N, C-alpha and C. Protein backbone atom coordinates (compact mmCIF):
# COMPACT_ATOMS: atom_id res chain seq x y z
N MET A 1 -65.45 60.03 -8.34
CA MET A 1 -64.45 60.18 -9.38
C MET A 1 -63.77 61.54 -9.27
N ARG A 2 -64.56 62.60 -9.02
CA ARG A 2 -63.94 63.92 -9.00
C ARG A 2 -63.03 64.10 -7.80
N LYS A 3 -63.36 63.44 -6.69
CA LYS A 3 -62.50 63.54 -5.51
C LYS A 3 -61.15 62.88 -5.78
N GLY A 4 -61.17 61.70 -6.38
CA GLY A 4 -59.92 61.01 -6.70
C GLY A 4 -59.08 61.76 -7.72
N LEU A 5 -59.73 62.32 -8.73
CA LEU A 5 -59.02 63.08 -9.75
C LEU A 5 -58.42 64.35 -9.16
N THR A 6 -59.16 64.99 -8.26
CA THR A 6 -58.66 66.21 -7.62
C THR A 6 -57.45 65.90 -6.75
N ILE A 7 -57.53 64.85 -5.97
CA ILE A 7 -56.40 64.47 -5.11
C ILE A 7 -55.20 64.07 -5.97
N GLY A 8 -55.46 63.36 -7.07
CA GLY A 8 -54.38 62.99 -7.98
C GLY A 8 -53.69 64.18 -8.59
N MET A 9 -54.46 65.20 -8.95
CA MET A 9 -53.86 66.41 -9.53
C MET A 9 -53.04 67.16 -8.48
N ILE A 10 -53.54 67.22 -7.25
CA ILE A 10 -52.79 67.90 -6.20
C ILE A 10 -51.47 67.19 -5.93
N VAL A 11 -51.54 65.86 -5.80
CA VAL A 11 -50.32 65.08 -5.54
C VAL A 11 -49.36 65.19 -6.72
N GLY A 12 -49.88 65.11 -7.95
CA GLY A 12 -49.03 65.25 -9.12
C GLY A 12 -48.38 66.62 -9.22
N GLY A 13 -49.14 67.66 -8.92
CA GLY A 13 -48.59 69.01 -8.95
C GLY A 13 -47.51 69.22 -7.91
N ILE A 14 -47.75 68.71 -6.69
CA ILE A 14 -46.73 68.84 -5.64
C ILE A 14 -45.49 68.02 -6.00
N ALA A 15 -45.70 66.86 -6.59
CA ALA A 15 -44.56 66.03 -7.01
C ALA A 15 -43.73 66.76 -8.07
N LEU A 16 -44.38 67.39 -9.04
CA LEU A 16 -43.65 68.17 -10.05
C LEU A 16 -42.87 69.31 -9.41
N MET A 17 -43.48 69.99 -8.45
CA MET A 17 -42.80 71.10 -7.79
C MET A 17 -41.56 70.61 -7.04
N VAL A 18 -41.71 69.53 -6.29
CA VAL A 18 -40.59 69.02 -5.49
C VAL A 18 -39.48 68.51 -6.39
N ILE A 19 -39.83 67.75 -7.41
CA ILE A 19 -38.82 67.19 -8.31
C ILE A 19 -38.09 68.31 -9.05
N SER A 20 -38.83 69.30 -9.53
CA SER A 20 -38.15 70.37 -10.27
C SER A 20 -37.32 71.24 -9.35
N TYR A 21 -37.74 71.43 -8.12
CA TYR A 21 -36.98 72.29 -7.21
C TYR A 21 -35.72 71.60 -6.71
N PHE A 22 -35.86 70.37 -6.25
CA PHE A 22 -34.71 69.69 -5.66
C PHE A 22 -33.91 68.85 -6.65
N GLY A 23 -34.54 68.37 -7.71
CA GLY A 23 -33.84 67.48 -8.61
C GLY A 23 -33.28 68.13 -9.86
N LEU A 24 -33.93 69.18 -10.34
CA LEU A 24 -33.56 69.73 -11.64
C LEU A 24 -32.90 71.10 -11.56
N THR A 25 -32.88 71.71 -10.38
CA THR A 25 -32.29 73.04 -10.28
C THR A 25 -30.79 72.94 -10.11
N ALA A 26 -30.19 74.02 -9.72
CA ALA A 26 -28.73 74.07 -9.59
C ALA A 26 -28.23 73.02 -8.60
N PRO A 27 -27.07 72.47 -8.86
CA PRO A 27 -26.51 71.48 -7.94
C PRO A 27 -26.24 72.07 -6.56
N TRP A 28 -26.47 71.28 -5.55
CA TRP A 28 -26.25 71.72 -4.17
C TRP A 28 -24.75 71.81 -3.92
N GLY A 29 -24.35 72.80 -3.20
CA GLY A 29 -22.94 72.95 -2.85
C GLY A 29 -22.11 73.61 -3.93
N ALA A 30 -22.76 74.31 -4.85
CA ALA A 30 -21.99 75.01 -5.89
C ALA A 30 -21.16 76.10 -5.22
N GLU A 31 -19.90 76.14 -5.55
CA GLU A 31 -18.99 77.05 -4.87
C GLU A 31 -19.07 78.48 -5.40
N SER A 32 -19.52 78.66 -6.63
CA SER A 32 -19.62 80.01 -7.17
C SER A 32 -20.86 80.10 -8.05
N VAL A 33 -21.20 81.31 -8.40
CA VAL A 33 -22.36 81.54 -9.24
C VAL A 33 -22.15 80.94 -10.63
N ALA A 34 -20.92 80.90 -11.09
CA ALA A 34 -20.62 80.34 -12.41
C ALA A 34 -20.95 78.85 -12.47
N ASN A 35 -20.92 78.16 -11.33
CA ASN A 35 -21.20 76.73 -11.28
C ASN A 35 -22.65 76.43 -10.93
N SER A 36 -23.50 77.43 -10.88
CA SER A 36 -24.87 77.23 -10.42
C SER A 36 -25.89 77.16 -11.55
N GLU A 37 -25.47 76.73 -12.71
CA GLU A 37 -26.40 76.55 -13.82
C GLU A 37 -27.34 75.39 -13.51
N PRO A 38 -28.62 75.53 -13.83
CA PRO A 38 -29.55 74.43 -13.60
C PRO A 38 -29.20 73.21 -14.45
N ARG A 39 -29.51 72.05 -13.92
CA ARG A 39 -29.26 70.82 -14.68
C ARG A 39 -30.16 70.75 -15.90
N LEU A 40 -31.37 71.25 -15.75
CA LEU A 40 -32.32 71.30 -16.85
C LEU A 40 -32.67 72.76 -17.08
N GLN A 41 -32.54 73.22 -18.29
CA GLN A 41 -32.67 74.65 -18.55
C GLN A 41 -34.08 75.18 -18.27
N PHE A 42 -35.10 74.34 -18.45
CA PHE A 42 -36.46 74.81 -18.23
C PHE A 42 -37.05 74.28 -16.92
N ALA A 43 -36.22 74.10 -15.90
CA ALA A 43 -36.69 73.64 -14.59
C ALA A 43 -37.71 74.61 -13.96
N PRO A 44 -37.53 75.93 -14.09
CA PRO A 44 -38.56 76.83 -13.54
C PRO A 44 -39.93 76.63 -14.21
N LEU A 45 -39.93 76.31 -15.48
CA LEU A 45 -41.19 76.05 -16.18
C LEU A 45 -41.89 74.81 -15.60
N VAL A 46 -41.12 73.78 -15.29
CA VAL A 46 -41.69 72.57 -14.70
C VAL A 46 -42.29 72.89 -13.34
N PHE A 47 -41.63 73.75 -12.56
CA PHE A 47 -42.14 74.16 -11.25
C PHE A 47 -43.46 74.92 -11.41
N VAL A 48 -43.50 75.85 -12.35
CA VAL A 48 -44.72 76.62 -12.58
C VAL A 48 -45.86 75.72 -13.06
N LEU A 49 -45.56 74.74 -13.89
CA LEU A 49 -46.59 73.78 -14.33
C LEU A 49 -47.13 72.98 -13.14
N GLY A 50 -46.26 72.65 -12.19
CA GLY A 50 -46.72 71.96 -10.99
C GLY A 50 -47.65 72.83 -10.16
N VAL A 51 -47.32 74.11 -10.04
CA VAL A 51 -48.19 75.04 -9.30
C VAL A 51 -49.53 75.17 -10.00
N MET A 52 -49.50 75.31 -11.33
CA MET A 52 -50.75 75.44 -12.08
C MET A 52 -51.59 74.18 -11.97
N MET A 53 -50.95 73.03 -11.96
CA MET A 53 -51.67 71.77 -11.85
C MET A 53 -52.33 71.64 -10.47
N ALA A 54 -51.60 72.03 -9.42
CA ALA A 54 -52.16 71.95 -8.07
C ALA A 54 -53.34 72.91 -7.91
N PHE A 55 -53.21 74.13 -8.41
CA PHE A 55 -54.31 75.08 -8.31
C PHE A 55 -55.44 74.75 -9.28
N GLY A 56 -55.10 74.13 -10.40
CA GLY A 56 -56.13 73.73 -11.37
C GLY A 56 -57.01 72.60 -10.86
N SER A 57 -56.56 71.91 -9.84
CA SER A 57 -57.38 70.84 -9.26
C SER A 57 -58.69 71.39 -8.70
N ALA A 58 -58.69 72.63 -8.26
CA ALA A 58 -59.93 73.25 -7.77
C ALA A 58 -60.94 73.39 -8.91
N LEU A 59 -60.45 73.72 -10.10
CA LEU A 59 -61.34 73.81 -11.26
C LEU A 59 -61.93 72.46 -11.61
N VAL A 60 -61.11 71.43 -11.55
CA VAL A 60 -61.60 70.08 -11.84
C VAL A 60 -62.67 69.68 -10.84
N TYR A 61 -62.44 69.98 -9.58
CA TYR A 61 -63.41 69.62 -8.54
C TYR A 61 -64.74 70.34 -8.75
N GLU A 62 -64.67 71.59 -9.16
CA GLU A 62 -65.91 72.36 -9.34
C GLU A 62 -66.62 72.06 -10.66
N MET A 63 -65.87 71.71 -11.70
CA MET A 63 -66.47 71.52 -13.02
C MET A 63 -67.07 70.14 -13.22
N LEU A 64 -66.47 69.10 -12.64
CA LEU A 64 -66.99 67.76 -12.80
C LEU A 64 -68.27 67.60 -11.99
N PRO A 65 -69.26 66.92 -12.56
CA PRO A 65 -70.51 66.74 -11.81
C PRO A 65 -70.31 65.77 -10.65
N ASP A 66 -71.04 66.04 -9.58
CA ASP A 66 -71.00 65.17 -8.42
C ASP A 66 -71.90 63.97 -8.66
N ARG A 67 -71.52 62.84 -8.14
CA ARG A 67 -72.33 61.62 -8.28
C ARG A 67 -73.57 61.76 -7.40
N ASP A 68 -74.72 61.49 -7.98
CA ASP A 68 -75.96 61.55 -7.21
C ASP A 68 -76.05 60.37 -6.29
N GLU A 69 -76.13 60.62 -5.00
CA GLU A 69 -76.26 59.55 -4.04
C GLU A 69 -77.68 59.58 -3.48
N ASP A 70 -78.48 58.58 -3.86
CA ASP A 70 -79.88 58.54 -3.42
C ASP A 70 -80.02 57.75 -2.15
């Protein structure tokens, strides 16, 4: 269970980072700085949450008990 949850958190965190970086930030091909406003005002926060989620997966892996295999 902990291996699947850890992998899920890593994939989810990377997905948040990619989506917020490429999908929610400033439009590509903006001709000037005035046109480079992000599509979503808190896109950097979503990116940071993705980083925290990916790094937090290590905590989940270490904190959850391992299944006893006899």
